[in-house]
Structures are given as structure tokens and as C-alpha cells.
Protein backbone atom coordinates (compact mmCIF):
# COMPACT_ATOMS: atom_id res chain seq x y z
CA UNK A 1 -97.51 6.33 17.65
CA UNK A 2 -99.83 3.56 18.72
CA UNK A 3 -102.54 4.15 21.31
CA UNK A 4 -102.95 1.50 24.01
CA UNK A 5 -105.79 -0.87 23.12
CA UNK A 6 -108.39 -2.05 25.62
CA UNK A 7 -110.99 -4.79 25.27
CA UNK A 8 -114.25 -4.34 27.18
CA UNK A 9 -116.04 -7.63 27.86
CA UNK A 10 -119.55 -7.25 29.28
CA UNK A 11 -122.93 -8.68 28.30
CA UNK A 12 -124.57 -5.29 28.98
CA UNK A 13 -124.21 -3.11 25.86
CA UNK A 14 -124.92 0.07 27.84
CA UNK A 15 -121.98 -0.54 30.16
CA UNK A 16 -119.75 -1.30 27.18
CA UNK A 17 -120.85 1.91 25.48
CA UNK A 18 -120.27 4.12 28.54
CA UNK A 19 -116.86 2.59 29.22
CA UNK A 20 -115.94 2.90 25.54
CA UNK A 21 -116.81 6.61 25.43
CA UNK A 22 -114.85 7.29 28.64
CA UNK A 23 -111.77 5.39 27.48
CA UNK A 24 -111.78 6.82 23.97
CA UNK A 25 -112.00 10.27 25.54
CA UNK A 26 -108.75 9.47 27.35
CA UNK A 27 -107.04 8.46 24.09
CA UNK A 28 -107.37 4.69 24.24
CA UNK A 29 -108.37 2.49 21.32
CA UNK A 30 -111.28 0.32 22.49
CA UNK A 31 -112.72 -2.99 21.30
CA UNK A 32 -115.74 -4.76 22.72
CA UNK A 33 -117.08 -8.26 23.26
CA UNK A 34 -120.49 -9.31 24.57
CA UNK A 35 -119.41 -12.58 26.22
CA UNK A 36 -116.41 -14.69 27.16
CA UNK A 37 -116.29 -16.73 23.96
CA UNK A 38 -116.30 -13.62 21.78
CA UNK A 39 -113.57 -12.12 23.98
CA UNK A 40 -111.36 -15.20 23.58
CA UNK A 41 -111.80 -15.04 19.79
CA UNK A 42 -110.81 -11.36 19.74
CA UNK A 43 -107.81 -11.96 21.99
CA UNK A 44 -106.69 -14.81 19.73
CA UNK A 45 -106.61 -12.44 16.75
CA UNK A 46 -105.50 -9.18 18.36
CA UNK A 47 -103.15 -7.67 20.91
CA UNK A 48 -104.57 -5.76 23.86
CA UNK A 49 -102.93 -3.73 26.60
CA UNK A 50 -105.78 -4.28 29.08
CA UNK A 51 -109.01 -6.25 29.36
CA UNK A 52 -112.02 -4.99 31.34
CA UNK A 53 -113.97 -8.11 32.23
CA UNK A 54 -117.44 -8.52 33.72
CA UNK A 55 -117.93 -11.48 36.06
CA UNK A 56 -121.57 -12.42 35.45
CA UNK A 57 -122.01 -13.26 31.77
CA UNK A 58 -123.86 -16.01 29.91
CA UNK A 59 -121.79 -18.97 28.77
CA UNK A 60 -118.28 -18.53 30.10
CA UNK A 61 -118.39 -16.34 33.17
CA UNK A 62 -115.67 -13.78 33.84
CA UNK A 63 -113.61 -16.07 36.08
CA UNK A 64 -113.61 -18.87 33.48
CA UNK A 65 -112.77 -16.40 30.72
CA UNK A 66 -109.91 -15.01 32.78
CA UNK A 67 -108.45 -18.49 33.35
CA UNK A 68 -108.58 -19.17 29.60
CA UNK A 69 -106.89 -15.84 28.84
CA UNK A 70 -104.13 -16.64 31.36
CA UNK A 71 -103.27 -19.81 29.46
CA UNK A 72 -102.11 -17.62 26.55
CA UNK A 73 -101.45 -14.09 27.77
CA UNK A 74 -100.26 -11.95 30.66
CA UNK A 75 -102.32 -8.94 29.57
CA UNK A 76 -103.70 -7.11 32.64
CA UNK A 77 -107.29 -7.94 33.51
CA UNK A 78 -109.52 -5.58 35.49
CA UNK A 79 -112.74 -7.17 36.71
CA UNK A 80 -115.82 -4.94 36.73
CA UNK A 81 -118.58 -6.60 38.71
CA UNK A 82 -121.74 -6.04 40.69
CA UNK A 83 -120.50 -8.84 42.95
CA UNK A 84 -118.92 -7.07 45.90
CA UNK A 85 -118.30 -9.78 48.50
CA UNK A 86 -114.72 -10.47 49.57
CA UNK A 87 -115.08 -14.05 48.30
CA UNK A 88 -115.93 -12.75 44.82
CA UNK A 89 -112.87 -10.53 44.77
CA UNK A 90 -110.66 -13.38 45.97
CA UNK A 91 -112.08 -15.56 43.19
CA UNK A 92 -111.24 -12.80 40.69
CA UNK A 93 -107.64 -12.56 41.85
CA UNK A 94 -107.32 -16.35 42.12
CA UNK A 95 -108.50 -16.82 38.54
CA UNK A 96 -105.74 -14.50 37.30
CA UNK A 97 -107.22 -11.02 37.55
CA UNK A 98 -105.00 -8.05 38.32
CA UNK A 99 -107.59 -5.72 39.82
CA UNK A 100 -111.26 -5.74 40.81
CA UNK A 101 -113.61 -2.76 40.67
CA UNK A 102 -117.13 -3.21 42.06
CA UNK A 103 -120.10 -1.70 40.21
CA UNK A 104 -121.28 0.97 40.44
CA UNK A 105 -117.93 2.72 40.22
CA UNK A 106 -116.76 6.26 39.79
CA UNK A 107 -115.60 7.13 36.30
CA UNK A 108 -112.49 8.80 37.70
CA UNK A 109 -111.57 5.65 39.60
CA UNK A 110 -112.04 3.50 36.50
CA UNK A 111 -109.83 5.79 34.41
CA UNK A 112 -107.19 5.93 37.15
CA UNK A 113 -107.05 2.16 37.51
CA UNK A 114 -106.95 1.67 33.73
CA UNK A 115 -104.04 4.09 33.35
CA UNK A 116 -102.14 2.49 36.22
CA UNK A 117 -102.59 -1.05 34.86
CA UNK A 118 -101.59 -0.05 31.32
CA UNK A 119 -98.56 1.84 32.65
CA UNK A 120 -97.41 -1.12 34.72
CA UNK A 121 -97.94 -3.50 31.84
CA UNK A 122 -95.82 -1.40 29.51
CA UNK A 123 -93.09 -0.68 32.04
CA UNK A 124 -92.80 -4.07 33.73
CA UNK A 125 -94.38 -6.80 31.65
CA UNK A 126 -94.06 -6.24 27.91
CA UNK A 127 -92.19 -9.35 26.80
CA UNK A 128 -90.11 -9.53 29.97
CA UNK A 129 -87.08 -8.36 27.98
CA UNK A 130 -84.47 -5.86 29.00
CA UNK A 131 -84.93 -2.38 27.46
CA UNK A 132 -82.05 -2.81 25.03
CA UNK A 133 -83.68 -5.99 23.66
CA UNK A 134 -87.02 -4.29 22.89
CA UNK A 135 -85.76 -1.31 20.94
CA UNK A 136 -86.81 1.07 23.71
CA UNK A 137 -84.52 3.85 24.83
CA UNK A 138 -82.53 3.37 27.96
CA UNK A 139 -85.11 3.60 30.74
CA UNK A 140 -82.98 6.01 32.75
CA UNK A 141 -82.97 8.53 29.89
CA UNK A 142 -86.68 7.98 29.22
CA UNK A 143 -87.48 9.13 32.73
CA UNK A 144 -85.54 12.34 32.28
CA UNK A 145 -83.19 13.47 34.96
CA UNK A 146 -83.58 11.72 38.27
CA UNK A 147 -80.45 13.32 39.65
CA UNK A 148 -80.28 16.27 41.99
CA UNK A 149 -80.66 15.41 45.64
CA UNK A 150 -81.45 11.77 44.72
CA UNK A 151 -83.74 11.81 47.72
CA UNK A 152 -86.28 9.01 47.25
CA UNK A 153 -89.00 11.14 48.78
CA UNK A 154 -88.42 14.12 46.47
CA UNK A 155 -91.79 15.61 45.58
CA UNK A 156 -91.09 16.73 41.97
CA UNK A 157 -92.44 14.45 39.29
CA UNK A 158 -90.50 13.59 36.16
CA UNK A 159 -91.95 12.83 32.74
CA UNK A 160 -91.73 9.36 31.25
CA UNK A 161 -92.76 8.21 27.79
CA UNK A 162 -93.26 4.53 27.04
CA UNK A 163 -92.70 2.92 23.67
CA UNK A 164 -96.28 3.71 22.67
CA UNK A 165 -95.77 7.40 23.29
CA UNK A 166 -98.00 7.46 26.37
CA UNK A 167 -96.69 10.03 28.85
CA UNK A 168 -96.63 9.52 32.61
CA UNK A 169 -95.44 11.71 35.43
CA UNK A 170 -93.57 9.73 38.04
CA UNK A 171 -91.89 10.65 41.30
CA UNK A 172 -88.19 9.78 41.47
CA UNK A 173 -88.82 6.80 43.76
CA UNK A 174 -91.29 5.42 41.17
CA UNK A 175 -88.69 5.96 38.45
CA UNK A 176 -86.13 4.09 40.56
CA UNK A 177 -88.53 1.16 40.90
CA UNK A 178 -89.13 1.11 37.16
CA UNK A 179 -85.39 1.24 36.54
CA UNK A 180 -84.92 -1.66 38.94
CA UNK A 181 -87.57 -3.84 37.30
CA UNK A 182 -86.38 -2.99 33.79
CA UNK A 183 -82.79 -3.86 34.66
CA UNK A 184 -81.29 -0.42 34.16
CA UNK A 185 -79.41 1.20 37.05
CA UNK A 186 -80.36 4.73 38.08
């Protein structure tokens, strides 16, 4: 069972170390790069499930690095930046970023955003193929039973396991959305 792999790209080794310890504690495999060029080299030779990307780095800044990554990959990118102005965030999203977390940030918020982005990437984006084409189980069965009242606002969560063995608890309406995007009827 493969753990999701995350690449942390930041020129500050202390931030990389703290993020690495947090993410490894949550069961992720973590790689690191000190600048945009090193990140592009690592991405060229490895597969990642998420990239945490600083904006202000020497050489290629985070926005430029993100645009280069987008030429080759749809891996989710979460910007971590001390730049907090709306214009900076818009630039992050416009360059291809999926989320933007201003520094300083709460560790719980970082972990929550990371888990959400990895989950969405695995459920919705991995290769864009239908479940039967990827060797995954039928998505409806993977979510467990979503029958019963079939009320979209039902409050009981159901367990879901992706192809990497990462478990998620989803409400039935979330499971229905995943079924819709994966092409499997509920």
C-alpha cells in the first residue's frame, strides 16, 4: 500500500523541516526542494500527489514554478506564502495553484487542506479515467453502503478507501458527488 507523496518547495529549511515532520506524522511520504529549479527536477523524475509551494524563492519564484509544473502535470499545488494580499492570492490561482494558505498558518489547517487536496486528486483527477479503466473497485462499492433513506443530507459518514489505501469518511452527498465525477451511478 503506497502512501501519498508530497513535495515541499521552500527556500527556508526550517519551514520545510516543520512541514515534513507534520506530514510524516500523518502518514505521508515527503520530499523536499529548496527552490523552483530543484522542484522541477524532482517532479521530472518522480510522481507526487501534492506540492506545497512557497511564493518568494530565489531564481524561479513560486508563481513561475507553478506555471512550469502546469505544462506537464495536474498535480495539486498548495501555495504557502507570507504574501497575504488578495492580488497575491489571485496571482497564485491564476498561475495554476489549487489553494493558497498564508503564513503563519495553523498546523491543523495545513493538514486539513493537504488531506482534502490529496483526496480530491485521487478521487477526481488521477488520469481522468473511469474507475474500471484504472483497476480500482467500483466506486459505489468502495464507498460502502449509501442506501437507506438516500437522503442527501443524512448525517452518517461512510468509509471510503482510495487505490492507495488512504481512508476517508464521507457523507452520502459527498459520496454521490464522487460517484458522479467518477462516472459510476449511485
